[in-house]
Amino acid sequence: MTITVEEYTFHMIDMFITSQGVLMNILLLLLIYFCTPKTIGAYSVLIINAALVDLVIALCGLLTSIRFIPCDFTILIVSYGVCGRLGREFCFLLFKIQIHAIIHGMMSQLLSFAYRYYALIGVRIPSKRRIALICFGVYIPTLIVLKMD
């Protein structure tokens, strides 16, 4: 299989951006763990959730390096990433995990907005444990994506 200059350039840019995403999200997790003030402790659960989701998205993107190719009424998914050496089923699983994480990230944005809204109107903020349980409750419906074939 020969790769054109454009495809190689795309692959290199994609790998650079996704590797930066992985590194920055790891740095963010470390900062949250070591530098979060007690006053925003409950909100740090939502930030950790977002950072973990973004880390999964970036890591799957780094391993798959997917390119979409439109062909009539079909979209072909071509993976240029490392996962190609491990088989197309593994690449497809990583792609499904990435889509799953994207959907969970969108759902988690609603939680962040709700938290901020409750903070603005002066309603009692839930504890860290309760927010973690709510995040897990939002996570469960997004598992449907992983079950799809």
N, C-alpha and C. Protein backbone atom coordinates (compact mmCIF):
# COMPACT_ATOMS: atom_id res chain seq x y z
N MET A 1 0.84 -1.17 0.00
CA MET A 1 0.00 0.00 0.00
C MET A 1 0.89 1.24 0.00
N THR A 2 0.74 2.06 -1.00
CA THR A 2 1.54 3.28 -1.08
C THR A 2 0.74 4.44 -0.48
N ILE A 3 1.46 5.33 0.17
CA ILE A 3 0.84 6.48 0.81
C ILE A 3 1.32 7.73 0.10
N THR A 4 0.37 8.59 -0.25
CA THR A 4 0.73 9.84 -0.91
C THR A 4 1.33 10.82 0.10
N VAL A 5 1.90 11.87 -0.41
CA VAL A 5 2.48 12.91 0.44
C VAL A 5 1.40 13.56 1.30
N GLU A 6 0.22 13.78 0.72
CA GLU A 6 -0.87 14.39 1.47
C GLU A 6 -1.32 13.50 2.62
N GLU A 7 -1.44 12.19 2.35
CA GLU A 7 -1.84 11.26 3.40
C GLU A 7 -0.79 11.20 4.51
N TYR A 8 0.47 11.19 4.13
CA TYR A 8 1.54 11.16 5.12
C TYR A 8 1.54 12.44 5.96
N THR A 9 1.34 13.58 5.30
CA THR A 9 1.27 14.86 6.01
C THR A 9 0.10 14.87 6.98
N PHE A 10 -1.07 14.40 6.52
CA PHE A 10 -2.24 14.30 7.39
C PHE A 10 -1.93 13.43 8.61
N HIS A 11 -1.31 12.31 8.37
CA HIS A 11 -1.00 11.37 9.45
C HIS A 11 -0.05 12.01 10.47
N MET A 12 0.97 12.70 10.01
CA MET A 12 1.93 13.33 10.91
C MET A 12 1.28 14.45 11.73
N ILE A 13 0.46 15.27 11.08
CA ILE A 13 -0.24 16.35 11.79
C ILE A 13 -1.20 15.76 12.81
N ASP A 14 -1.93 14.72 12.41
CA ASP A 14 -2.88 14.06 13.31
C ASP A 14 -2.17 13.47 14.52
N MET A 15 -1.05 12.81 14.29
CA MET A 15 -0.31 12.22 15.41
C MET A 15 0.25 13.29 16.34
N PHE A 16 0.70 14.40 15.79
CA PHE A 16 1.23 15.49 16.62
C PHE A 16 0.13 16.07 17.50
N ILE A 17 -1.02 16.35 16.90
CA ILE A 17 -2.12 16.97 17.65
C ILE A 17 -2.66 16.02 18.71
N THR A 18 -2.88 14.75 18.36
CA THR A 18 -3.44 13.82 19.34
C THR A 18 -2.44 13.50 20.44
N SER A 19 -1.15 13.44 20.12
CA SER A 19 -0.16 13.19 21.18
C SER A 19 -0.10 14.38 22.14
N GLN A 20 -0.25 15.59 21.61
CA GLN A 20 -0.33 16.77 22.48
C GLN A 20 -1.57 16.71 23.36
N GLY A 21 -2.68 16.22 22.80
CA GLY A 21 -3.90 16.06 23.59
C GLY A 21 -3.71 15.08 24.73
N VAL A 22 -3.03 13.98 24.47
CA VAL A 22 -2.75 12.99 25.52
C VAL A 22 -1.88 13.62 26.61
N LEU A 23 -0.81 14.28 26.22
CA LEU A 23 0.11 14.89 27.20
C LEU A 23 -0.57 15.98 28.02
N MET A 24 -1.34 16.84 27.36
CA MET A 24 -2.00 17.94 28.07
C MET A 24 -3.06 17.43 29.05
N ASN A 25 -3.78 16.38 28.68
CA ASN A 25 -4.79 15.85 29.59
C ASN A 25 -4.15 15.14 30.78
N ILE A 26 -3.02 14.49 30.57
CA ILE A 26 -2.30 13.91 31.71
C ILE A 26 -1.81 15.03 32.64
N LEU A 27 -1.29 16.10 32.05
CA LEU A 27 -0.85 17.24 32.85
C LEU A 27 -2.03 17.85 33.62
N LEU A 28 -3.17 17.98 32.96
CA LEU A 28 -4.37 18.52 33.62
C LEU A 28 -4.79 17.64 34.79
N LEU A 29 -4.77 16.33 34.61
CA LEU A 29 -5.13 15.43 35.70
C LEU A 29 -4.17 15.59 36.89
N LEU A 30 -2.89 15.72 36.60
CA LEU A 30 -1.92 15.93 37.68
C LEU A 30 -2.16 17.26 38.40
N LEU A 31 -2.44 18.30 37.64
CA LEU A 31 -2.72 19.60 38.24
C LEU A 31 -3.97 19.55 39.11
N ILE A 32 -5.00 18.87 38.62
CA ILE A 32 -6.23 18.75 39.40
C ILE A 32 -5.94 18.01 40.70
N TYR A 33 -5.20 16.94 40.61
CA TYR A 33 -4.94 16.13 41.79
C TYR A 33 -4.11 16.87 42.84
N PHE A 34 -3.09 17.59 42.39
CA PHE A 34 -2.16 18.21 43.33
C PHE A 34 -2.46 19.67 43.65
N CYS A 35 -3.19 20.38 42.80
CA CYS A 35 -3.32 21.83 42.98
C CYS A 35 -4.75 22.34 43.13
N THR A 36 -5.74 21.48 43.25
CA THR A 36 -7.12 21.95 43.35
C THR A 36 -7.39 22.50 44.75
N PRO A 37 -7.85 23.75 44.82
CA PRO A 37 -8.20 24.29 46.14
C PRO A 37 -9.47 23.63 46.68
N LYS A 38 -9.59 23.59 47.99
CA LYS A 38 -10.74 22.96 48.64
C LYS A 38 -12.05 23.62 48.26
N THR A 39 -12.01 24.90 47.94
CA THR A 39 -13.26 25.62 47.64
C THR A 39 -13.96 25.12 46.40
N ILE A 40 -13.20 24.54 45.47
CA ILE A 40 -13.84 24.01 44.26
C ILE A 40 -13.67 22.49 44.18
N GLY A 41 -13.59 21.86 45.33
CA GLY A 41 -13.38 20.41 45.38
C GLY A 41 -14.46 19.62 44.68
N ALA A 42 -15.72 20.01 44.87
CA ALA A 42 -16.82 19.27 44.24
C ALA A 42 -16.78 19.43 42.72
N TYR A 43 -16.46 20.64 42.26
CA TYR A 43 -16.39 20.87 40.82
C TYR A 43 -15.21 20.13 40.19
N SER A 44 -14.17 19.85 40.98
CA SER A 44 -13.01 19.14 40.44
C SER A 44 -13.39 17.75 39.95
N VAL A 45 -14.45 17.16 40.51
CA VAL A 45 -14.91 15.84 40.02
C VAL A 45 -15.35 15.96 38.56
N LEU A 46 -16.06 17.04 38.24
CA LEU A 46 -16.50 17.25 36.86
C LEU A 46 -15.31 17.54 35.94
N ILE A 47 -14.33 18.26 36.45
CA ILE A 47 -13.14 18.54 35.64
C ILE A 47 -12.35 17.26 35.40
N ILE A 48 -12.23 16.42 36.42
CA ILE A 48 -11.55 15.12 36.27
C ILE A 48 -12.28 14.26 35.25
N ASN A 49 -13.60 14.26 35.34
CA ASN A 49 -14.41 13.48 34.39
C ASN A 49 -14.14 13.96 32.96
N ALA A 50 -14.15 15.27 32.75
CA ALA A 50 -13.90 15.82 31.41
C ALA A 50 -12.49 15.50 30.94
N ALA A 51 -11.51 15.61 31.83
CA ALA A 51 -10.12 15.34 31.45
C ALA A 51 -9.92 13.86 31.10
N LEU A 52 -10.54 12.97 31.86
CA LEU A 52 -10.43 11.53 31.54
C LEU A 52 -11.08 11.20 30.20
N VAL A 53 -12.24 11.80 29.97
CA VAL A 53 -12.93 11.57 28.68
C VAL A 53 -12.07 12.09 27.54
N ASP A 54 -11.54 13.30 27.68
CA ASP A 54 -10.68 13.86 26.63
C ASP A 54 -9.40 13.04 26.44
N LEU A 55 -8.87 12.50 27.53
CA LEU A 55 -7.70 11.64 27.44
C LEU A 55 -8.00 10.37 26.63
N VAL A 56 -9.15 9.76 26.89
CA VAL A 56 -9.55 8.56 26.13
C VAL A 56 -9.74 8.90 24.66
N ILE A 57 -10.39 10.02 24.38
CA ILE A 57 -10.61 10.44 22.98
C ILE A 57 -9.26 10.65 22.28
N ALA A 58 -8.35 11.35 22.93
CA ALA A 58 -7.04 11.63 22.31
C ALA A 58 -6.23 10.35 22.14
N LEU A 59 -6.25 9.48 23.14
CA LEU A 59 -5.49 8.23 23.06
C LEU A 59 -6.02 7.33 21.95
N CYS A 60 -7.34 7.22 21.85
CA CYS A 60 -7.92 6.42 20.76
C CYS A 60 -7.61 7.06 19.41
N GLY A 61 -7.66 8.38 19.35
CA GLY A 61 -7.31 9.07 18.11
C GLY A 61 -5.86 8.86 17.72
N LEU A 62 -4.98 8.83 18.71
CA LEU A 62 -3.56 8.60 18.45
C LEU A 62 -3.33 7.19 17.92
N LEU A 63 -4.02 6.22 18.50
CA LEU A 63 -3.82 4.83 18.10
C LEU A 63 -4.49 4.49 16.77
N THR A 64 -5.59 5.16 16.45
CA THR A 64 -6.31 4.82 15.22
C THR A 64 -5.93 5.71 14.04
N SER A 65 -5.78 7.00 14.27
CA SER A 65 -5.50 7.96 13.21
C SER A 65 -6.42 7.72 12.01
N ILE A 66 -7.70 7.93 12.25
CA ILE A 66 -8.74 7.58 11.28
C ILE A 66 -8.91 8.65 10.22
N ARG A 67 -9.18 8.18 9.03
CA ARG A 67 -9.53 9.06 7.91
C ARG A 67 -10.84 8.58 7.32
N PHE A 68 -11.77 9.50 7.13
CA PHE A 68 -13.07 9.17 6.53
C PHE A 68 -13.03 9.49 5.05
N ILE A 69 -13.48 8.53 4.24
CA ILE A 69 -13.50 8.71 2.79
C ILE A 69 -14.93 8.52 2.30
N PRO A 70 -15.56 9.59 1.79
CA PRO A 70 -16.93 9.43 1.27
C PRO A 70 -16.92 8.70 -0.06
N CYS A 71 -17.86 7.79 -0.22
CA CYS A 71 -17.98 7.01 -1.45
C CYS A 71 -19.47 6.79 -1.70
N ASP A 72 -20.05 7.60 -2.58
CA ASP A 72 -21.49 7.59 -2.83
C ASP A 72 -22.25 7.79 -1.52
N PHE A 73 -23.07 6.82 -1.11
CA PHE A 73 -23.85 6.92 0.12
C PHE A 73 -23.20 6.15 1.27
N THR A 74 -21.92 5.91 1.16
CA THR A 74 -21.17 5.15 2.16
C THR A 74 -19.98 5.98 2.62
N ILE A 75 -19.60 5.77 3.85
CA ILE A 75 -18.39 6.39 4.36
C ILE A 75 -17.41 5.29 4.72
N LEU A 76 -16.26 5.31 4.09
CA LEU A 76 -15.22 4.35 4.40
C LEU A 76 -14.36 4.89 5.52
N ILE A 77 -14.01 4.03 6.46
CA ILE A 77 -13.16 4.42 7.57
C ILE A 77 -11.82 3.71 7.39
N VAL A 78 -10.77 4.50 7.20
CA VAL A 78 -9.43 3.96 7.01
C VAL A 78 -8.58 4.38 8.20
N SER A 79 -7.92 3.42 8.82
CA SER A 79 -7.08 3.71 9.96
C SER A 79 -5.62 3.64 9.55
N TYR A 80 -4.91 4.72 9.79
CA TYR A 80 -3.48 4.78 9.50
C TYR A 80 -2.65 4.57 10.77
N GLY A 81 -3.31 4.35 11.88
CA GLY A 81 -2.63 4.31 13.16
C GLY A 81 -1.98 2.98 13.49
N VAL A 82 -1.45 2.93 14.69
CA VAL A 82 -0.75 1.76 15.19
C VAL A 82 -1.69 0.57 15.30
N CYS A 83 -2.96 0.82 15.56
CA CYS A 83 -3.90 -0.28 15.76
C CYS A 83 -4.03 -1.15 14.51
N GLY A 84 -3.67 -0.62 13.35
CA GLY A 84 -3.74 -1.40 12.12
C GLY A 84 -2.87 -2.64 12.16
N ARG A 85 -1.82 -2.60 12.96
CA ARG A 85 -0.94 -3.76 13.10
C ARG A 85 -1.57 -4.84 13.97
N LEU A 86 -2.59 -4.45 14.74
CA LEU A 86 -3.23 -5.39 15.66
C LEU A 86 -4.56 -5.94 15.13
N GLY A 87 -4.96 -5.53 13.95
CA GLY A 87 -6.15 -6.06 13.34
C GLY A 87 -7.27 -5.04 13.23
N ARG A 88 -8.11 -5.23 12.23
CA ARG A 88 -9.18 -4.27 11.99
C ARG A 88 -10.25 -4.30 13.07
N GLU A 89 -10.45 -5.46 13.72
CA GLU A 89 -11.43 -5.53 14.80
C GLU A 89 -10.99 -4.65 15.97
N PHE A 90 -9.69 -4.66 16.27
CA PHE A 90 -9.17 -3.83 17.34
C PHE A 90 -9.30 -2.35 16.99
N CYS A 91 -9.02 -2.00 15.74
CA CYS A 91 -9.19 -0.61 15.29
C CYS A 91 -10.65 -0.18 15.42
N PHE A 92 -11.56 -1.07 15.03
CA PHE A 92 -12.98 -0.73 15.13
C PHE A 92 -13.40 -0.58 16.58
N LEU A 93 -12.88 -1.43 17.47
CA LEU A 93 -13.18 -1.31 18.90
C LEU A 93 -12.69 0.03 19.44
N LEU A 94 -11.47 0.43 19.07
CA LEU A 94 -10.95 1.73 19.51
C LEU A 94 -11.80 2.88 18.96
N PHE A 95 -12.26 2.75 17.73
CA PHE A 95 -13.12 3.76 17.13
C PHE A 95 -14.44 3.85 17.91
N LYS A 96 -15.01 2.70 18.28
CA LYS A 96 -16.25 2.70 19.06
C LYS A 96 -16.04 3.31 20.44
N ILE A 97 -14.89 3.02 21.05
CA ILE A 97 -14.59 3.62 22.36
C ILE A 97 -14.45 5.13 22.23
N GLN A 98 -13.84 5.58 21.15
CA GLN A 98 -13.69 7.01 20.92
C GLN A 98 -15.06 7.68 20.75
N ILE A 99 -15.93 7.10 19.95
CA ILE A 99 -17.27 7.65 19.76
C ILE A 99 -18.03 7.64 21.09
N HIS A 100 -17.90 6.56 21.83
CA HIS A 100 -18.52 6.45 23.15
C HIS A 100 -18.05 7.58 24.07
N ALA A 101 -16.75 7.85 24.08
CA ALA A 101 -16.21 8.91 24.93
C ALA A 101 -16.68 10.28 24.47
N ILE A 102 -16.80 10.48 23.16
CA ILE A 102 -17.30 11.77 22.65
C ILE A 102 -18.73 12.00 23.12
N ILE A 103 -19.57 10.97 23.03
CA ILE A 103 -20.95 11.09 23.48
C ILE A 103 -21.00 11.35 24.98
N HIS A 104 -20.20 10.62 25.75
CA HIS A 104 -20.17 10.85 27.20
C HIS A 104 -19.68 12.27 27.52
N GLY A 105 -18.72 12.75 26.76
CA GLY A 105 -18.23 14.12 26.97
C GLY A 105 -19.31 15.15 26.75
N MET A 106 -20.14 14.93 25.73
CA MET A 106 -21.25 15.86 25.48
C MET A 106 -22.26 15.82 26.62
N MET A 107 -22.56 14.61 27.09
CA MET A 107 -23.49 14.48 28.20
C MET A 107 -22.91 15.12 29.46
N SER A 108 -21.61 15.00 29.65
CA SER A 108 -20.97 15.58 30.82
C SER A 108 -20.99 17.11 30.79
N GLN A 109 -21.01 17.68 29.59
CA GLN A 109 -21.13 19.14 29.49
C GLN A 109 -22.43 19.62 30.13
N LEU A 110 -23.50 18.84 29.95
CA LEU A 110 -24.76 19.20 30.58
C LEU A 110 -24.63 19.20 32.10
N LEU A 111 -23.90 18.24 32.65
CA LEU A 111 -23.67 18.22 34.09
C LEU A 111 -22.91 19.46 34.55
N SER A 112 -21.92 19.86 33.79
CA SER A 112 -21.15 21.05 34.15
C SER A 112 -22.03 22.30 34.12
N PHE A 113 -22.87 22.40 33.11
CA PHE A 113 -23.78 23.54 33.03
C PHE A 113 -24.76 23.54 34.20
N ALA A 114 -25.28 22.35 34.55
CA ALA A 114 -26.21 22.25 35.67
C ALA A 114 -25.51 22.64 36.98
N TYR A 115 -24.28 22.20 37.17
CA TYR A 115 -23.52 22.55 38.37
C TYR A 115 -23.36 24.06 38.46
N ARG A 116 -22.95 24.67 37.37
CA ARG A 116 -22.76 26.13 37.37
C ARG A 116 -24.06 26.86 37.61
N TYR A 117 -25.14 26.36 37.03
CA TYR A 117 -26.45 26.99 37.24
C TYR A 117 -26.84 26.93 38.71
N TYR A 118 -26.70 25.76 39.32
CA TYR A 118 -27.03 25.63 40.74
C TYR A 118 -26.14 26.51 41.60
N ALA A 119 -24.89 26.65 41.23
CA ALA A 119 -23.98 27.51 41.99
C ALA A 119 -24.40 28.98 41.87
N LEU A 120 -24.87 29.38 40.69
CA LEU A 120 -25.27 30.77 40.48
C LEU A 120 -26.56 31.12 41.21
N ILE A 121 -27.51 30.18 41.24
CA ILE A 121 -28.79 30.51 41.89
C ILE A 121 -28.75 30.25 43.38
N GLY A 122 -27.64 29.74 43.89
CA GLY A 122 -27.47 29.60 45.32
C GLY A 122 -28.01 28.31 45.93
N VAL A 123 -28.30 27.31 45.12
CA VAL A 123 -28.75 26.03 45.63
C VAL A 123 -27.55 25.29 46.23
N ARG A 124 -27.81 24.51 47.25
CA ARG A 124 -26.74 23.75 47.91
C ARG A 124 -26.04 22.84 46.89
N ILE A 125 -24.73 22.91 46.83
CA ILE A 125 -23.92 22.12 45.90
C ILE A 125 -23.78 20.70 46.44
N PRO A 126 -23.98 19.69 45.59
CA PRO A 126 -23.82 18.31 46.05
C PRO A 126 -22.37 18.00 46.42
N SER A 127 -22.20 16.93 47.18
CA SER A 127 -20.87 16.51 47.61
C SER A 127 -20.11 15.89 46.44
N LYS A 128 -18.80 15.68 46.66
CA LYS A 128 -17.97 15.03 45.63
C LYS A 128 -18.51 13.65 45.28
N ARG A 129 -18.88 12.91 46.30
CA ARG A 129 -19.39 11.55 46.07
C ARG A 129 -20.68 11.56 45.25
N ARG A 130 -21.57 12.48 45.57
CA ARG A 130 -22.83 12.56 44.83
C ARG A 130 -22.59 12.95 43.36
N ILE A 131 -21.68 13.89 43.14
CA ILE A 131 -21.36 14.29 41.77
C ILE A 131 -20.73 13.13 41.01
N ALA A 132 -19.86 12.36 41.67
CA ALA A 132 -19.25 11.19 41.02
C ALA A 132 -20.32 10.17 40.67
N LEU A 133 -21.30 9.97 41.54
CA LEU A 133 -22.41 9.04 41.24
C LEU A 133 -23.26 9.55 40.08
N ILE A 134 -23.48 10.84 40.03
CA ILE A 134 -24.24 11.42 38.91
C ILE A 134 -23.46 11.23 37.60
N CYS A 135 -22.14 11.45 37.64
CA CYS A 135 -21.31 11.22 36.44
C CYS A 135 -21.42 9.77 35.98
N PHE A 136 -21.37 8.85 36.94
CA PHE A 136 -21.50 7.44 36.59
C PHE A 136 -22.89 7.14 36.03
N GLY A 137 -23.91 7.78 36.60
CA GLY A 137 -25.27 7.59 36.09
C GLY A 137 -25.42 8.08 34.66
N VAL A 138 -24.73 9.15 34.32
CA VAL A 138 -24.75 9.66 32.94
C VAL A 138 -23.93 8.74 32.04
N TYR A 139 -22.92 8.10 32.61
CA TYR A 139 -22.05 7.22 31.83
C TYR A 139 -22.78 5.97 31.34
N ILE A 140 -23.68 5.45 32.14
CA ILE A 140 -24.34 4.17 31.81
C ILE A 140 -25.08 4.21 30.47
N PRO A 141 -25.91 5.22 30.18
CA PRO A 141 -26.60 5.21 28.87
C PRO A 141 -25.66 5.28 27.67
N THR A 142 -24.48 5.89 27.85
CA THR A 142 -23.56 6.00 26.72
C THR A 142 -22.90 4.67 26.39
N LEU A 143 -23.03 3.68 27.27
CA LEU A 143 -22.49 2.35 27.00
C LEU A 143 -23.20 1.69 25.82
N ILE A 144 -24.38 2.18 25.47
CA ILE A 144 -25.13 1.61 24.34
C ILE A 144 -24.28 1.64 23.07
N VAL A 145 -23.50 2.69 22.91
CA VAL A 145 -22.66 2.83 21.71
C VAL A 145 -21.68 1.66 21.60
N LEU A 146 -21.14 1.23 22.72
CA LEU A 146 -20.17 0.12 22.68
C LEU A 146 -20.83 -1.20 22.30
N LYS A 147 -22.10 -1.33 22.55
CA LYS A 147 -22.80 -2.57 22.24
C LYS A 147 -23.24 -2.64 20.78
N MET A 148 -23.20 -1.52 20.08
CA MET A 148 -23.65 -1.49 18.68
C MET A 148 -22.60 -2.14 17.78
N ASP A 149 -23.05 -2.87 16.81
CA ASP A 149 -22.14 -3.49 15.83
C ASP A 149 -22.41 -3.01 14.44
